[in-house]
Amino acid sequence: MHQFRQRLLAGERLVGPMVTLGAPEVAEILAKVGFDWLFLDAEHAPFDALSLQRMMQAAGNTPCLVRLEASQEVPIKKALDVGAAGIIAPMVNTAEQAAQIVSWCRYSPQGTRGVGLGRAHGYGLEFSDYIEAANESVTVIVQAEHIQAAEQIEAIVQVEGVDGVLIGPYDLSASLGLLGQIEHPEVVAAIDRVTAVCQQAKIPLGVFGLSATAVQPYIEKGYTLITVGVDTLLLSSAASSLLQQVRSGIV
């Protein structure tokens, strides 16, 4: 079994791209590039449980975390049962929400995760082994992407089983009435608050950026769960650059 959660909690920097295209070949190629993990975005991309499973099968040994379509029990069960290394729960604004999400990710007696048979369990052939290891191996990331989350972050990080906090700067800016203004002092102050509290509590921090330049300031601040690039933009950017080079005669 993968060691993603253990690597995260050990403070290792883990770099992965956001995947939104439902073609297994995309996951296969990105895994072959050598990323530490893949961010499968079921919140904004048209993934269902079967398509998520196909992406994970294509990714092979590269761990995949699923950003849920909603922070609810059934999407959690389905993502984990098809083999996700963990979940990224969107819009978690209170400790009570965080605790419920953790419970849905953990089997009894630590939680209330439903028991089924799926790809994660070797379709039943590896059921006992998976059940025995799952509570220690499944990663639970919550997103701080609303001003309420920033205000409640001290309580959120105290919830046992929250393995990391992923900043959502754009939604955070929107919650302040400053959509897209991620450099605005109020947005920066909210992010700085989350950063300080998480680091004090030794909770790994994550962030998303479109480029290496965008995530570098966060890496310098100690963020270790790094989502960089989106499959669609990686494709279009490389294709655009190639086309421009050919048309301009620059090789």
Protein backbone atom coordinates (compact mmCIF):
# COMPACT_ATOMS: atom_id res chain seq x y z
CA MET A 1 0.00 0.00 0.00
CA HIS A 2 1.14 3.56 -0.73
CA GLN A 3 2.69 5.69 2.02
CA PHE A 4 1.12 9.00 1.03
CA ARG A 5 -0.30 9.89 4.45
CA GLN A 6 2.89 8.93 6.22
CA ARG A 7 4.95 11.03 3.80
CA LEU A 8 2.63 14.00 4.26
CA LEU A 9 2.72 13.82 8.06
CA ALA A 10 6.50 13.45 7.96
CA GLY A 11 6.74 16.85 6.29
CA GLU A 12 7.80 15.66 2.86
CA ARG A 13 7.04 18.01 -0.02
CA LEU A 14 4.51 16.29 -2.28
CA VAL A 15 3.88 17.76 -5.72
CA GLY A 16 0.93 16.92 -7.94
CA PRO A 17 -1.11 18.46 -10.76
CA MET A 18 -4.86 19.03 -10.85
CA VAL A 19 -6.62 16.62 -13.19
CA THR A 20 -9.94 17.60 -14.76
CA LEU A 21 -10.05 15.66 -18.03
CA GLY A 22 -11.78 12.31 -17.71
CA ALA A 23 -9.37 10.44 -19.99
CA PRO A 24 -7.41 7.70 -18.18
CA GLU A 25 -4.51 8.38 -20.52
CA VAL A 26 -4.10 11.81 -18.90
CA ALA A 27 -3.64 10.24 -15.48
CA GLU A 28 -1.32 7.62 -16.96
CA ILE A 29 0.91 10.21 -18.62
CA LEU A 30 1.07 12.47 -15.56
CA ALA A 31 1.92 9.50 -13.36
CA LYS A 32 4.73 8.53 -15.72
CA VAL A 33 6.13 12.07 -15.51
CA GLY A 34 6.91 11.34 -11.87
CA PHE A 35 4.52 13.48 -9.83
CA ASP A 36 4.13 12.40 -6.21
CA TRP A 37 0.34 12.37 -6.46
CA LEU A 38 -2.60 13.41 -8.61
CA PHE A 39 -5.39 15.81 -7.58
CA LEU A 40 -8.60 14.46 -9.16
CA ASP A 41 -11.11 17.29 -9.13
CA ALA A 42 -14.61 15.84 -8.78
CA GLU A 43 -15.92 19.18 -7.49
CA HIS A 44 -15.56 21.15 -10.72
CA ALA A 45 -14.83 18.46 -13.32
CA PRO A 46 -17.39 15.91 -14.62
CA PHE A 47 -16.10 12.87 -12.71
CA ASP A 48 -18.39 10.18 -11.36
CA ALA A 49 -17.26 7.21 -9.27
CA LEU A 50 -16.59 4.98 -12.27
CA SER A 51 -14.54 7.60 -14.09
CA LEU A 52 -12.54 8.25 -10.91
CA GLN A 53 -11.84 4.53 -10.68
CA ARG A 54 -10.64 4.43 -14.28
CA MET A 55 -8.30 7.38 -13.61
CA MET A 56 -6.83 5.66 -10.55
CA GLN A 57 -6.34 2.42 -12.44
CA ALA A 58 -4.44 4.35 -15.10
CA ALA A 59 -2.35 6.17 -12.49
CA GLY A 60 -1.00 2.85 -11.23
CA ASN A 61 1.09 3.26 -8.09
CA THR A 62 0.79 7.06 -8.04
CA PRO A 63 -1.58 8.00 -5.19
CA CYS A 64 -4.69 9.96 -6.14
CA LEU A 65 -6.58 12.31 -3.85
CA VAL A 66 -10.15 13.20 -4.82
CA ARG A 67 -11.56 16.63 -4.23
CA LEU A 68 -15.15 15.73 -3.46
CA GLU A 69 -18.15 17.07 -5.30
CA ALA A 70 -19.48 17.84 -1.82
CA SER A 71 -18.29 17.20 1.73
CA GLN A 72 -20.88 14.51 2.29
CA GLU A 73 -20.90 10.84 3.29
CA VAL A 74 -21.75 9.16 -0.01
CA PRO A 75 -19.14 10.96 -2.14
CA ILE A 76 -16.54 10.10 0.51
CA LYS A 77 -17.49 6.42 0.56
CA LYS A 78 -17.43 6.15 -3.21
CA ALA A 79 -14.09 7.95 -3.62
CA LEU A 80 -12.41 5.77 -1.02
CA ASP A 81 -14.01 2.52 -2.16
CA VAL A 82 -12.74 2.99 -5.73
CA GLY A 83 -9.23 3.39 -4.37
CA ALA A 84 -8.48 7.01 -3.53
CA ALA A 85 -5.48 7.54 -1.26
CA GLY A 86 -7.54 10.21 0.45
CA ILE A 87 -10.05 12.99 0.04
CA ILE A 88 -9.95 16.75 -0.18
CA ALA A 89 -13.12 18.14 1.39
CA PRO A 90 -14.25 21.50 0.01
CA MET A 91 -15.62 24.41 2.02
CA VAL A 92 -14.97 23.13 5.54
CA ASN A 93 -15.75 26.06 7.80
CA THR A 94 -16.16 24.59 11.29
CA ALA A 95 -14.62 21.98 13.56
CA GLU A 96 -17.94 20.13 13.61
CA GLN A 97 -17.83 19.75 9.83
CA ALA A 98 -14.23 18.57 9.97
CA ALA A 99 -15.01 15.99 12.66
CA GLN A 100 -17.92 14.60 10.67
CA ILE A 101 -15.77 14.30 7.54
CA VAL A 102 -13.05 12.46 9.45
CA SER A 103 -15.65 10.09 10.90
CA TRP A 104 -16.96 9.23 7.42
CA CYS A 105 -13.37 8.41 6.36
CA ARG A 106 -12.61 6.05 9.27
CA TYR A 107 -13.94 2.58 9.94
CA SER A 108 -15.35 1.71 13.37
CA PRO A 109 -14.41 2.21 16.14
CA GLN A 110 -12.58 5.40 15.07
CA GLY A 111 -15.39 6.45 12.73
CA THR A 112 -18.53 5.54 10.87
CA ARG A 113 -17.33 4.73 7.35
CA GLY A 114 -19.66 2.33 5.62
CA VAL A 115 -18.32 -1.11 4.77
CA GLY A 116 -18.54 -2.27 1.18
CA LEU A 117 -16.55 -4.15 -1.42
CA GLY A 118 -14.78 -2.25 -4.16
CA ARG A 119 -11.52 -1.73 -5.96
CA ALA A 120 -9.85 -0.52 -2.75
CA HIS A 121 -10.59 -3.91 -1.19
CA GLY A 122 -9.26 -5.88 -4.14
CA TYR A 123 -12.93 -6.49 -5.01
CA GLY A 124 -13.13 -8.57 -1.85
CA LEU A 125 -9.92 -10.52 -2.29
CA GLU A 126 -7.95 -8.12 -0.07
CA PHE A 127 -10.81 -7.03 2.17
CA SER A 128 -9.24 -7.87 5.53
CA ASP A 129 -5.88 -6.32 4.67
CA TYR A 130 -7.51 -3.09 3.50
CA ILE A 131 -9.82 -2.80 6.51
CA GLU A 132 -6.88 -3.33 8.85
CA ALA A 133 -4.75 -0.62 7.23
CA ALA A 134 -7.29 1.94 6.00
CA ASN A 135 -7.67 4.05 9.13
CA GLU A 136 -3.93 4.70 9.17
CA SER A 137 -3.47 5.16 5.44
CA VAL A 138 -6.42 7.24 4.22
CA THR A 139 -5.55 10.94 4.04
CA VAL A 140 -8.06 13.60 5.07
CA ILE A 141 -7.46 17.12 3.76
CA VAL A 142 -9.89 19.94 4.48
CA GLN A 143 -10.07 23.11 2.43
CA ALA A 144 -9.95 26.51 4.09
CA GLU A 145 -11.59 28.60 1.39
CA HIS A 146 -13.99 30.87 3.26
CA ILE A 147 -13.45 33.64 5.77
CA GLN A 148 -15.41 31.57 8.29
CA ALA A 149 -12.79 28.81 8.00
CA ALA A 150 -10.05 31.36 8.65
CA GLU A 151 -11.92 32.57 11.71
CA GLN A 152 -12.49 29.02 12.99
CA ILE A 153 -9.11 27.58 12.04
CA GLU A 154 -7.89 27.11 15.64
CA ALA A 155 -10.76 24.72 16.33
CA ILE A 156 -10.52 22.98 12.93
CA VAL A 157 -6.86 22.02 13.36
CA GLN A 158 -7.61 20.48 16.75
CA VAL A 159 -9.86 17.86 15.17
CA GLU A 160 -8.08 14.52 15.39
CA GLY A 161 -7.69 12.97 11.98
CA VAL A 162 -7.38 16.18 9.96
CA ASP A 163 -4.12 15.52 8.14
CA GLY A 164 -3.76 18.80 6.29
CA VAL A 165 -5.36 22.08 5.32
CA LEU A 166 -5.51 23.22 1.71
CA ILE A 167 -5.88 26.95 1.14
CA GLY A 168 -8.40 28.05 -1.48
CA PRO A 169 -7.39 31.67 -2.13
CA TYR A 170 -9.92 32.42 -4.86
CA ASP A 171 -13.01 31.24 -2.99
CA LEU A 172 -11.62 32.88 0.13
CA SER A 173 -11.36 36.17 -1.72
CA ALA A 174 -14.93 35.74 -2.97
CA SER A 175 -16.21 35.18 0.58
CA LEU A 176 -14.77 38.59 1.46
CA GLY A 177 -16.45 40.26 -1.50
CA LEU A 178 -13.07 40.53 -3.23
CA LEU A 179 -13.40 37.91 -5.96
CA GLY A 180 -10.05 37.21 -7.57
CA GLN A 181 -8.20 39.82 -5.55
CA ILE A 182 -5.93 37.31 -3.86
CA GLU A 183 -3.28 39.96 -3.17
CA HIS A 184 -5.74 42.21 -1.33
CA PRO A 185 -4.59 42.88 2.27
CA GLU A 186 -7.74 41.30 3.75
CA VAL A 187 -7.26 38.10 1.75
CA VAL A 188 -3.55 37.98 2.53
CA ALA A 189 -4.28 38.51 6.23
CA ALA A 190 -6.78 35.63 6.26
CA ILE A 191 -4.31 33.30 4.52
CA ASP A 192 -1.53 34.38 6.89
CA ARG A 193 -3.79 33.61 9.84
CA VAL A 194 -4.51 30.09 8.58
CA THR A 195 -0.82 29.57 7.86
CA ALA A 196 0.30 30.65 11.32
CA VAL A 197 -2.27 28.54 13.16
CA CYS A 198 -1.59 25.40 11.09
CA GLN A 199 2.14 25.72 11.52
CA GLN A 200 1.77 26.22 15.24
CA ALA A 201 -0.33 23.03 15.36
CA LYS A 202 2.10 21.22 13.01
CA ILE A 203 -0.65 20.60 10.45
CA PRO A 204 0.64 20.29 6.86
CA LEU A 205 -0.44 23.08 4.56
CA GLY A 206 -1.41 22.83 0.91
CA VAL A 207 -2.02 25.28 -1.90
CA PHE A 208 -2.89 25.35 -5.59
CA GLY A 209 -1.11 27.43 -8.20
CA LEU A 210 -1.05 27.47 -11.97
CA SER A 211 2.73 27.62 -12.20
CA ALA A 212 5.95 26.99 -10.31
CA THR A 213 6.24 30.75 -9.85
CA ALA A 214 2.79 30.89 -8.25
CA VAL A 215 3.49 28.20 -5.66
CA GLN A 216 7.09 29.14 -4.85
CA PRO A 217 6.19 31.79 -2.21
CA TYR A 218 4.09 29.20 -0.39
CA ILE A 219 6.86 26.61 -0.55
CA GLU A 220 9.16 29.20 1.01
CA LYS A 221 6.62 29.62 3.81
CA GLY A 222 6.72 25.90 4.54
CA TYR A 223 3.75 24.58 2.55
CA THR A 224 4.34 20.95 1.57
CA LEU A 225 1.16 19.72 -0.19
CA ILE A 226 1.66 21.41 -3.53
CA THR A 227 -0.89 21.31 -6.35
CA VAL A 228 0.60 22.94 -9.41
CA GLY A 229 -0.79 23.17 -12.90
CA VAL A 230 -4.01 21.90 -14.47
CA ASP A 231 -4.05 19.24 -17.16
CA THR A 232 -6.02 21.40 -19.59
CA LEU A 233 -3.69 24.38 -19.24
CA LEU A 234 -0.56 22.21 -19.36
CA LEU A 235 -1.78 20.85 -22.68
CA SER A 236 -2.87 24.18 -24.14
CA SER A 237 0.25 26.00 -22.94
CA ALA A 238 2.63 23.45 -24.45
CA ALA A 239 0.66 23.35 -27.71
CA SER A 240 0.50 27.16 -27.93
CA SER A 241 4.21 27.51 -27.28
CA LEU A 242 5.02 24.90 -29.92
CA LEU A 243 2.78 26.57 -32.49
CA GLN A 244 4.28 30.00 -31.84
CA GLN A 245 7.82 28.62 -32.18
CA VAL A 246 7.06 26.97 -35.50
CA ARG A 247 5.25 29.98 -36.93
CA SER A 248 7.97 32.39 -35.87
CA GLY A 249 10.79 30.17 -37.04
CA ILE A 250 12.30 29.99 -33.52
CA VAL A 251 13.60 26.51 -32.81
